Amino acid sequence: MKSNYDVILRPIITEQSMEALDLKKYAFEVAPEAGKAEIKTAVETIFGVKVAKVTTMNMMGKEKRVGRYPAGMTKSWKKAVVRLAADSKPIEFFEGMV
């Protein structure tokens, strides 16, 4: 079985994700093979919060090029937006970011 730290790869810190903190929504990059139940248990055990809903989406890689012809692709990855329960405490990691 995978570790919880293998499921949650990194937090996503952008303007759009920081605006959603007021609604108790947090964005993470997760393992591509992770399911919603795995993501929920990983966030609950790592941060000690209560998760109400998990939304996932596959982010396709973008075409990039350096120079004239050698076009390549950035990697594809999976994004999870986790909404906490109303009675749950916020995640301390994101506290000073806003």
N, C-alpha and C. Protein backbone atom coordinates (compact mmCIF):
# COMPACT_ATOMS: atom_id res chain seq x y z
N MET A 1 0.85 -1.19 0.00
CA MET A 1 0.00 0.00 0.00
C MET A 1 0.89 1.24 0.00
N LYS A 2 0.43 2.26 -0.69
CA LYS A 2 1.18 3.50 -0.80
C LYS A 2 1.08 4.32 0.48
N SER A 3 2.12 5.09 0.71
CA SER A 3 2.11 6.03 1.82
C SER A 3 1.22 7.22 1.47
N ASN A 4 0.73 7.90 2.48
CA ASN A 4 -0.08 9.10 2.23
C ASN A 4 0.73 10.18 1.55
N TYR A 5 2.03 10.19 1.80
CA TYR A 5 2.90 11.20 1.18
C TYR A 5 3.21 10.86 -0.28
N ASP A 6 2.94 9.63 -0.71
CA ASP A 6 3.06 9.27 -2.12
C ASP A 6 1.82 9.69 -2.90
N VAL A 7 0.69 9.87 -2.22
CA VAL A 7 -0.55 10.28 -2.88
C VAL A 7 -0.57 11.79 -3.10
N ILE A 8 -0.26 12.57 -2.06
CA ILE A 8 -0.21 14.02 -2.15
C ILE A 8 1.21 14.42 -2.52
N LEU A 9 1.42 14.96 -3.72
CA LEU A 9 2.76 15.28 -4.17
C LEU A 9 3.20 16.68 -3.75
N ARG A 10 2.34 17.69 -3.97
CA ARG A 10 2.69 19.06 -3.59
C ARG A 10 1.43 19.91 -3.58
N PRO A 11 1.43 21.00 -2.81
CA PRO A 11 0.31 21.93 -2.87
C PRO A 11 0.44 22.82 -4.11
N ILE A 12 -0.68 23.29 -4.60
CA ILE A 12 -0.69 24.20 -5.75
C ILE A 12 -0.99 25.59 -5.21
N ILE A 13 -0.03 26.49 -5.39
CA ILE A 13 -0.15 27.84 -4.84
C ILE A 13 -0.19 28.82 -6.00
N THR A 14 -1.40 29.21 -6.38
CA THR A 14 -1.63 30.18 -7.43
C THR A 14 -2.63 31.22 -6.92
N GLU A 15 -2.84 32.27 -7.68
CA GLU A 15 -3.81 33.28 -7.27
C GLU A 15 -5.21 32.69 -7.15
N GLN A 16 -5.57 31.87 -8.11
CA GLN A 16 -6.90 31.27 -8.10
C GLN A 16 -7.10 30.33 -6.91
N SER A 17 -6.08 29.54 -6.58
CA SER A 17 -6.22 28.63 -5.45
C SER A 17 -6.20 29.37 -4.12
N MET A 18 -5.50 30.50 -4.05
CA MET A 18 -5.47 31.28 -2.81
C MET A 18 -6.80 31.99 -2.57
N GLU A 19 -7.50 32.37 -3.63
CA GLU A 19 -8.82 33.00 -3.46
C GLU A 19 -9.84 31.99 -2.95
N ALA A 20 -9.64 30.72 -3.22
CA ALA A 20 -10.59 29.70 -2.79
C ALA A 20 -10.39 29.29 -1.34
N LEU A 21 -9.37 29.81 -0.67
CA LEU A 21 -9.15 29.46 0.73
C LEU A 21 -10.27 29.93 1.63
N ASP A 22 -10.95 31.01 1.26
CA ASP A 22 -12.08 31.51 2.05
C ASP A 22 -13.22 30.50 2.07
N LEU A 23 -13.33 29.71 1.01
CA LEU A 23 -14.37 28.68 0.93
C LEU A 23 -13.89 27.34 1.47
N LYS A 24 -12.70 27.33 2.07
CA LYS A 24 -12.06 26.12 2.61
C LYS A 24 -11.77 25.11 1.51
N LYS A 25 -11.31 25.60 0.36
CA LYS A 25 -10.90 24.74 -0.74
C LYS A 25 -9.39 24.83 -0.90
N TYR A 26 -8.75 23.67 -0.99
CA TYR A 26 -7.30 23.60 -1.11
C TYR A 26 -6.95 22.74 -2.32
N ALA A 27 -5.95 23.16 -3.09
CA ALA A 27 -5.57 22.46 -4.31
C ALA A 27 -4.24 21.75 -4.11
N PHE A 28 -4.13 20.52 -4.62
CA PHE A 28 -2.93 19.71 -4.51
C PHE A 28 -2.66 19.02 -5.84
N GLU A 29 -1.38 18.79 -6.12
CA GLU A 29 -1.01 17.87 -7.20
C GLU A 29 -0.94 16.50 -6.56
N VAL A 30 -1.60 15.53 -7.16
CA VAL A 30 -1.66 14.18 -6.59
C VAL A 30 -1.12 13.17 -7.59
N ALA A 31 -0.91 11.96 -7.12
CA ALA A 31 -0.44 10.88 -7.98
C ALA A 31 -1.51 10.59 -9.03
N PRO A 32 -1.11 10.33 -10.28
CA PRO A 32 -2.10 10.12 -11.35
C PRO A 32 -3.01 8.92 -11.12
N GLU A 33 -2.57 7.93 -10.41
CA GLU A 33 -3.38 6.73 -10.19
C GLU A 33 -4.18 6.80 -8.89
N ALA A 34 -4.11 7.90 -8.15
CA ALA A 34 -4.83 8.03 -6.88
C ALA A 34 -6.31 8.30 -7.13
N GLY A 35 -7.15 7.67 -6.33
CA GLY A 35 -8.58 7.88 -6.41
C GLY A 35 -9.03 8.89 -5.36
N LYS A 36 -10.31 9.25 -5.43
CA LYS A 36 -10.84 10.26 -4.51
C LYS A 36 -10.79 9.79 -3.06
N ALA A 37 -11.06 8.52 -2.82
CA ALA A 37 -11.04 8.00 -1.45
C ALA A 37 -9.62 8.03 -0.88
N GLU A 38 -8.63 7.68 -1.70
CA GLU A 38 -7.24 7.73 -1.25
C GLU A 38 -6.81 9.16 -0.95
N ILE A 39 -7.22 10.09 -1.79
CA ILE A 39 -6.86 11.49 -1.59
C ILE A 39 -7.49 12.01 -0.30
N LYS A 40 -8.73 11.64 -0.06
CA LYS A 40 -9.43 12.09 1.15
C LYS A 40 -8.74 11.58 2.40
N THR A 41 -8.42 10.31 2.46
CA THR A 41 -7.76 9.77 3.65
C THR A 41 -6.35 10.34 3.82
N ALA A 42 -5.65 10.59 2.71
CA ALA A 42 -4.30 11.15 2.80
C ALA A 42 -4.34 12.57 3.38
N VAL A 43 -5.25 13.41 2.91
CA VAL A 43 -5.35 14.78 3.42
C VAL A 43 -5.78 14.77 4.88
N GLU A 44 -6.72 13.91 5.23
CA GLU A 44 -7.19 13.86 6.62
C GLU A 44 -6.09 13.41 7.57
N THR A 45 -5.27 12.45 7.18
CA THR A 45 -4.22 11.97 8.09
C THR A 45 -3.01 12.90 8.11
N ILE A 46 -2.64 13.48 6.99
CA ILE A 46 -1.46 14.36 6.96
C ILE A 46 -1.72 15.66 7.71
N PHE A 47 -2.85 16.30 7.45
CA PHE A 47 -3.12 17.62 8.00
C PHE A 47 -4.06 17.61 9.20
N GLY A 48 -4.68 16.50 9.53
CA GLY A 48 -5.56 16.41 10.69
C GLY A 48 -6.82 17.22 10.54
N VAL A 49 -7.44 17.18 9.37
CA VAL A 49 -8.66 17.93 9.09
C VAL A 49 -9.76 16.96 8.68
N LYS A 50 -10.97 17.49 8.50
CA LYS A 50 -12.11 16.68 8.06
C LYS A 50 -12.50 17.13 6.66
N VAL A 51 -12.43 16.21 5.70
CA VAL A 51 -12.71 16.53 4.29
C VAL A 51 -14.17 16.26 3.97
N ALA A 52 -14.81 17.22 3.31
CA ALA A 52 -16.21 17.07 2.91
C ALA A 52 -16.32 16.58 1.48
N LYS A 53 -15.46 17.08 0.57
CA LYS A 53 -15.60 16.74 -0.85
C LYS A 53 -14.24 16.80 -1.53
N VAL A 54 -14.04 15.90 -2.49
CA VAL A 54 -12.82 15.89 -3.29
C VAL A 54 -13.21 15.94 -4.76
N THR A 55 -12.63 16.88 -5.49
CA THR A 55 -12.83 17.00 -6.93
C THR A 55 -11.48 16.80 -7.60
N THR A 56 -11.43 15.93 -8.61
CA THR A 56 -10.17 15.68 -9.30
C THR A 56 -10.30 16.03 -10.77
N MET A 57 -9.17 16.36 -11.38
CA MET A 57 -9.14 16.62 -12.81
C MET A 57 -7.76 16.29 -13.35
N ASN A 58 -7.72 15.78 -14.57
CA ASN A 58 -6.46 15.48 -15.23
C ASN A 58 -6.06 16.70 -16.05
N MET A 59 -4.86 17.20 -15.76
CA MET A 59 -4.33 18.36 -16.45
C MET A 59 -3.41 17.87 -17.56
N MET A 60 -3.76 18.15 -18.80
CA MET A 60 -2.97 17.69 -19.93
C MET A 60 -1.74 18.58 -20.11
N GLY A 61 -0.65 17.96 -20.58
CA GLY A 61 0.58 18.70 -20.81
C GLY A 61 0.42 19.69 -21.96
N LYS A 62 1.16 20.76 -21.89
CA LYS A 62 1.11 21.79 -22.93
C LYS A 62 2.29 21.64 -23.87
N GLU A 63 2.10 22.04 -25.10
CA GLU A 63 3.19 21.98 -26.07
C GLU A 63 4.13 23.15 -25.83
N LYS A 64 5.39 22.85 -25.68
CA LYS A 64 6.42 23.87 -25.48
C LYS A 64 7.54 23.62 -26.47
N ARG A 65 8.27 24.67 -26.80
CA ARG A 65 9.41 24.46 -27.67
C ARG A 65 10.52 25.41 -27.25
N VAL A 66 11.73 24.97 -27.48
CA VAL A 66 12.92 25.77 -27.25
C VAL A 66 13.64 25.83 -28.58
N GLY A 67 13.78 27.01 -29.12
CA GLY A 67 14.36 27.12 -30.44
C GLY A 67 13.29 27.05 -31.50
N ARG A 68 13.67 26.56 -32.67
CA ARG A 68 12.74 26.61 -33.79
C ARG A 68 11.90 25.35 -33.92
N TYR A 69 12.52 24.19 -34.04
CA TYR A 69 11.76 22.99 -34.36
C TYR A 69 11.53 21.99 -33.23
N PRO A 70 12.42 21.80 -32.31
CA PRO A 70 12.23 20.67 -31.39
C PRO A 70 11.08 20.93 -30.41
N ALA A 71 9.87 20.71 -30.85
CA ALA A 71 8.71 20.92 -30.00
C ALA A 71 8.55 19.72 -29.07
N GLY A 72 8.21 19.99 -27.84
CA GLY A 72 8.01 18.94 -26.86
C GLY A 72 6.76 19.23 -26.05
N MET A 73 6.52 18.40 -25.06
CA MET A 73 5.34 18.55 -24.22
C MET A 73 5.77 18.61 -22.76
N THR A 74 5.08 19.42 -21.98
CA THR A 74 5.27 19.36 -20.54
C THR A 74 4.50 18.14 -20.05
N LYS A 75 4.80 17.71 -18.84
CA LYS A 75 4.17 16.47 -18.36
C LYS A 75 2.70 16.69 -18.01
N SER A 76 1.92 15.66 -18.16
CA SER A 76 0.53 15.67 -17.73
C SER A 76 0.51 15.29 -16.25
N TRP A 77 -0.47 15.84 -15.51
CA TRP A 77 -0.53 15.58 -14.08
C TRP A 77 -1.97 15.62 -13.61
N LYS A 78 -2.18 15.23 -12.37
CA LYS A 78 -3.53 15.17 -11.81
C LYS A 78 -3.64 16.18 -10.68
N LYS A 79 -4.75 16.92 -10.68
CA LYS A 79 -5.00 17.96 -9.70
C LYS A 79 -6.21 17.57 -8.87
N ALA A 80 -6.15 17.82 -7.56
CA ALA A 80 -7.27 17.55 -6.67
C ALA A 80 -7.59 18.82 -5.91
N VAL A 81 -8.87 19.18 -5.88
CA VAL A 81 -9.34 20.30 -5.07
C VAL A 81 -10.15 19.69 -3.94
N VAL A 82 -9.68 19.95 -2.72
CA VAL A 82 -10.27 19.35 -1.52
C VAL A 82 -11.04 20.42 -0.77
N ARG A 83 -12.30 20.15 -0.49
CA ARG A 83 -13.13 21.07 0.31
C ARG A 83 -13.27 20.49 1.70
N LEU A 84 -12.99 21.31 2.70
CA LEU A 84 -13.08 20.87 4.08
C LEU A 84 -14.49 21.04 4.61
N ALA A 85 -14.80 20.28 5.65
CA ALA A 85 -16.11 20.39 6.29
C ALA A 85 -16.21 21.74 7.00
N ALA A 86 -17.43 22.18 7.25
CA ALA A 86 -17.65 23.49 7.87
C ALA A 86 -17.07 23.56 9.27
N ASP A 87 -17.09 22.46 10.00
CA ASP A 87 -16.59 22.46 11.38
C ASP A 87 -15.11 22.10 11.47
N SER A 88 -14.45 21.93 10.36
CA SER A 88 -13.04 21.56 10.34
C SER A 88 -12.15 22.79 10.48
N LYS A 89 -10.98 22.58 11.07
CA LYS A 89 -10.02 23.68 11.20
C LYS A 89 -9.30 23.86 9.87
N PRO A 90 -8.77 25.05 9.57
CA PRO A 90 -8.04 25.24 8.30
C PRO A 90 -6.68 24.54 8.34
N ILE A 91 -6.09 24.34 7.18
CA ILE A 91 -4.77 23.74 7.09
C ILE A 91 -3.73 24.82 7.38
N GLU A 92 -2.85 24.55 8.35
CA GLU A 92 -1.89 25.57 8.79
C GLU A 92 -0.87 25.92 7.72
N PHE A 93 -0.60 25.00 6.81
CA PHE A 93 0.40 25.23 5.77
C PHE A 93 0.05 26.44 4.92
N PHE A 94 -1.23 26.67 4.69
CA PHE A 94 -1.68 27.74 3.81
C PHE A 94 -2.01 29.03 4.57
N GLU A 95 -1.84 29.05 5.89
CA GLU A 95 -2.27 30.18 6.70
C GLU A 95 -1.58 31.49 6.31
N GLY A 96 -0.27 31.53 6.16
CA GLY A 96 0.43 32.77 5.90
C GLY A 96 0.52 33.16 4.44
N MET A 97 -0.11 32.43 3.56
CA MET A 97 0.01 32.67 2.14
C MET A 97 -0.91 33.77 1.63
N VAL A 98 -2.01 34.02 2.32
CA VAL A 98 -3.01 34.96 1.82
C VAL A 98 -2.65 36.38 2.18
